Each structure stands twice: as C-alpha cells, then as structure tokens.
Amino acid sequence: MKKRKMYFRLITASLMRRRSRMLVALLAIMIGATILSGLVTIYIDVPRQMGAQFRSYGANMIFTAEIYMIT
C-alpha cells in the first residue's frame, strides 16, 4: 500500500506544481471531445435526414440518363 500512496502523492504534487500545463491539457481534451461529438452527430444525422427527404418524394421521382447529341 505504501507504493500506491507514494505514487498518488507524486502525481498530485506534479499536477499542483504545473497547474497551467494541466489546465491547457484539460482544455485541449475538452475541445477535442466537442469536435468529435459534433462530427459523430453530423455523420449519423445527415444520412438519416437525407433518407427521410428521399422517402417523402416517394415514387414520384424518376431518374433517367439522357444523351444529347450536338451536330
């Protein structure tokens, strides 16, 4: 148990001495988590919304390939 107590004591002392680094690291983690959350939301939500829009058109939409000849 002594080793674990000494380890936590070293970690807390290191963090207290370098508060500015700790704050910058926490800020970077928060920004990264926010960006990742936004990207995941877009990745999931955009295809769902596009599918809903295409389903609302129903069978009224016909896609054809037309070839135009220029003479």
N, C-alpha and C. Protein backbone atom coordinates (compact mmCIF):
# COMPACT_ATOMS: atom_id res chain seq x y z
N MET A 1 0.82 -1.20 0.00
CA MET A 1 0.00 0.00 0.00
C MET A 1 0.86 1.25 0.00
N LYS A 2 2.07 1.14 0.49
CA LYS A 2 2.95 2.31 0.55
C LYS A 2 3.32 2.80 -0.84
N LYS A 3 3.54 1.85 -1.77
CA LYS A 3 3.93 2.24 -3.13
C LYS A 3 2.81 3.02 -3.81
N ARG A 4 1.60 2.56 -3.63
CA ARG A 4 0.45 3.22 -4.25
C ARG A 4 0.26 4.63 -3.67
N LYS A 5 0.41 4.75 -2.37
CA LYS A 5 0.26 6.05 -1.72
C LYS A 5 1.33 7.02 -2.19
N MET A 6 2.56 6.52 -2.33
CA MET A 6 3.66 7.37 -2.81
C MET A 6 3.43 7.78 -4.27
N TYR A 7 2.92 6.85 -5.05
CA TYR A 7 2.64 7.15 -6.47
C TYR A 7 1.60 8.28 -6.58
N PHE A 8 0.50 8.17 -5.87
CA PHE A 8 -0.52 9.22 -5.92
C PHE A 8 -0.01 10.54 -5.38
N ARG A 9 0.86 10.46 -4.38
CA ARG A 9 1.45 11.68 -3.83
C ARG A 9 2.33 12.37 -4.86
N LEU A 10 3.11 11.58 -5.60
CA LEU A 10 3.95 12.15 -6.66
C LEU A 10 3.11 12.77 -7.77
N ILE A 11 2.06 12.09 -8.16
CA ILE A 11 1.19 12.59 -9.23
C ILE A 11 0.51 13.89 -8.81
N THR A 12 -0.07 13.91 -7.62
CA THR A 12 -0.75 15.13 -7.18
C THR A 12 0.22 16.29 -7.00
N ALA A 13 1.40 16.01 -6.50
CA ALA A 13 2.39 17.08 -6.34
C ALA A 13 2.81 17.63 -7.70
N SER A 14 2.99 16.74 -8.67
CA SER A 14 3.37 17.18 -10.01
C SER A 14 2.27 18.04 -10.64
N LEU A 15 1.03 17.62 -10.46
CA LEU A 15 -0.09 18.38 -11.03
C LEU A 15 -0.24 19.74 -10.35
N MET A 16 0.00 19.81 -9.07
CA MET A 16 -0.13 21.08 -8.36
C MET A 16 0.97 22.06 -8.74
N ARG A 17 2.15 21.55 -9.03
CA ARG A 17 3.25 22.43 -9.42
C ARG A 17 3.07 22.97 -10.83
N ARG A 18 2.42 22.22 -11.66
CA ARG A 18 2.25 22.62 -13.07
C ARG A 18 0.78 22.80 -13.40
N ARG A 19 0.13 23.68 -12.73
CA ARG A 19 -1.29 23.89 -12.94
C ARG A 19 -1.61 24.41 -14.33
N SER A 20 -0.75 25.28 -14.85
CA SER A 20 -1.03 25.84 -16.18
C SER A 20 -0.99 24.75 -17.24
N ARG A 21 -0.04 23.82 -17.14
CA ARG A 21 0.01 22.72 -18.11
C ARG A 21 -1.23 21.83 -17.97
N MET A 22 -1.64 21.60 -16.74
CA MET A 22 -2.81 20.77 -16.52
C MET A 22 -4.05 21.44 -17.12
N LEU A 23 -4.18 22.74 -16.94
CA LEU A 23 -5.34 23.44 -17.50
C LEU A 23 -5.33 23.42 -19.02
N VAL A 24 -4.15 23.58 -19.61
CA VAL A 24 -4.05 23.53 -21.08
C VAL A 24 -4.40 22.13 -21.58
N ALA A 25 -3.93 21.11 -20.89
CA ALA A 25 -4.24 19.73 -21.30
C ALA A 25 -5.74 19.46 -21.18
N LEU A 26 -6.35 19.91 -20.10
CA LEU A 26 -7.80 19.71 -19.94
C LEU A 26 -8.59 20.47 -20.98
N LEU A 27 -8.15 21.67 -21.29
CA LEU A 27 -8.81 22.46 -22.33
C LEU A 27 -8.71 21.77 -23.69
N ALA A 28 -7.53 21.22 -24.00
CA ALA A 28 -7.36 20.51 -25.27
C ALA A 28 -8.24 19.27 -25.33
N ILE A 29 -8.37 18.56 -24.24
CA ILE A 29 -9.22 17.37 -24.20
C ILE A 29 -10.69 17.77 -24.39
N MET A 30 -11.10 18.86 -23.76
CA MET A 30 -12.49 19.31 -23.90
C MET A 30 -12.79 19.75 -25.33
N ILE A 31 -11.87 20.47 -25.95
CA ILE A 31 -12.08 20.91 -27.33
C ILE A 31 -12.14 19.70 -28.27
N GLY A 32 -11.24 18.75 -28.07
CA GLY A 32 -11.24 17.55 -28.89
C GLY A 32 -12.52 16.75 -28.74
N ALA A 33 -13.01 16.63 -27.52
CA ALA A 33 -14.26 15.90 -27.29
C ALA A 33 -15.44 16.61 -27.93
N THR A 34 -15.44 17.94 -27.89
CA THR A 34 -16.53 18.70 -28.52
C THR A 34 -16.52 18.52 -30.03
N ILE A 35 -15.35 18.61 -30.63
CA ILE A 35 -15.25 18.43 -32.09
C ILE A 35 -15.66 17.02 -32.48
N LEU A 36 -15.19 16.02 -31.73
CA LEU A 36 -15.54 14.64 -32.03
C LEU A 36 -17.05 14.41 -31.91
N SER A 37 -17.65 14.98 -30.89
CA SER A 37 -19.09 14.86 -30.72
C SER A 37 -19.85 15.48 -31.88
N GLY A 38 -19.42 16.65 -32.33
CA GLY A 38 -20.07 17.30 -33.48
C GLY A 38 -19.93 16.48 -34.75
N LEU A 39 -18.74 15.93 -34.99
CA LEU A 39 -18.54 15.14 -36.20
C LEU A 39 -19.36 13.86 -36.18
N VAL A 40 -19.46 13.22 -35.03
CA VAL A 40 -20.27 12.00 -34.93
C VAL A 40 -21.73 12.32 -35.16
N THR A 41 -22.19 13.44 -34.62
CA THR A 41 -23.58 13.85 -34.82
C THR A 41 -23.87 14.08 -36.29
N ILE A 42 -22.96 14.78 -36.97
CA ILE A 42 -23.14 15.02 -38.41
C ILE A 42 -23.11 13.71 -39.18
N TYR A 43 -22.17 12.84 -38.84
CA TYR A 43 -22.02 11.56 -39.54
C TYR A 43 -23.29 10.71 -39.43
N ILE A 44 -23.95 10.78 -38.29
CA ILE A 44 -25.15 9.97 -38.07
C ILE A 44 -26.40 10.68 -38.59
N ASP A 45 -26.51 11.97 -38.38
CA ASP A 45 -27.76 12.69 -38.64
C ASP A 45 -27.97 13.02 -40.12
N VAL A 46 -26.92 13.35 -40.85
CA VAL A 46 -27.09 13.76 -42.26
C VAL A 46 -27.67 12.62 -43.11
N PRO A 47 -27.12 11.42 -43.07
CA PRO A 47 -27.74 10.35 -43.88
C PRO A 47 -29.19 10.06 -43.48
N ARG A 48 -29.50 10.17 -42.18
CA ARG A 48 -30.86 9.94 -41.74
C ARG A 48 -31.82 10.99 -42.30
N GLN A 49 -31.40 12.24 -42.28
CA GLN A 49 -32.24 13.30 -42.82
C GLN A 49 -32.38 13.19 -44.34
N MET A 50 -31.30 12.81 -45.02
CA MET A 50 -31.40 12.64 -46.48
C MET A 50 -32.35 11.50 -46.81
N GLY A 51 -32.28 10.40 -46.07
CA GLY A 51 -33.19 9.28 -46.30
C GLY A 51 -34.63 9.69 -46.09
N ALA A 52 -34.89 10.47 -45.07
CA ALA A 52 -36.26 10.93 -44.81
C ALA A 52 -36.75 11.83 -45.94
N GLN A 53 -35.90 12.70 -46.45
CA GLN A 53 -36.29 13.58 -47.56
C GLN A 53 -36.58 12.77 -48.82
N PHE A 54 -35.73 11.80 -49.13
CA PHE A 54 -35.96 10.98 -50.33
C PHE A 54 -37.21 10.13 -50.19
N ARG A 55 -37.50 9.64 -48.98
CA ARG A 55 -38.72 8.86 -48.78
C ARG A 55 -39.96 9.73 -48.94
N SER A 56 -39.85 11.01 -48.60
CA SER A 56 -41.01 11.88 -48.73
C SER A 56 -41.37 12.14 -50.20
N TYR A 57 -40.39 12.02 -51.10
CA TYR A 57 -40.69 12.16 -52.52
C TYR A 57 -41.48 10.96 -53.04
N GLY A 58 -41.23 9.80 -52.48
CA GLY A 58 -41.96 8.59 -52.88
C GLY A 58 -41.60 8.16 -54.28
N ALA A 59 -42.60 7.61 -54.99
CA ALA A 59 -42.38 7.07 -56.33
C ALA A 59 -42.54 8.15 -57.39
N ASN A 60 -42.65 9.39 -57.03
CA ASN A 60 -42.85 10.47 -57.99
C ASN A 60 -41.54 10.93 -58.63
N MET A 61 -40.45 10.37 -58.22
CA MET A 61 -39.15 10.80 -58.72
C MET A 61 -38.61 9.73 -59.65
N ILE A 62 -38.26 10.12 -60.88
CA ILE A 62 -37.73 9.17 -61.87
C ILE A 62 -36.38 9.70 -62.34
N PHE A 63 -35.38 8.85 -62.26
CA PHE A 63 -34.04 9.20 -62.72
C PHE A 63 -33.80 8.54 -64.07
N THR A 64 -33.45 9.33 -65.06
CA THR A 64 -33.13 8.78 -66.37
C THR A 64 -31.82 9.37 -66.86
N ALA A 65 -31.19 8.61 -67.71
CA ALA A 65 -29.94 9.10 -68.32
C ALA A 65 -30.29 9.56 -69.73
N GLU A 66 -30.05 10.83 -70.02
CA GLU A 66 -30.35 11.36 -71.35
C GLU A 66 -29.03 11.70 -72.03
N ILE A 67 -28.97 11.38 -73.30
CA ILE A 67 -27.77 11.67 -74.08
C ILE A 67 -28.13 12.76 -75.09
N TYR A 68 -27.40 13.83 -75.08
CA TYR A 68 -27.62 14.92 -76.02
C TYR A 68 -26.56 14.85 -77.11
N MET A 69 -27.00 14.89 -78.32
CA MET A 69 -26.05 14.87 -79.43
C MET A 69 -25.97 16.25 -80.04
N ILE A 70 -24.77 16.72 -80.19
CA ILE A 70 -24.55 18.05 -80.78
C ILE A 70 -24.10 17.84 -82.23
N THR A 71 -24.82 18.45 -83.13
CA THR A 71 -24.45 18.30 -84.54
C THR A 71 -24.00 19.61 -85.12
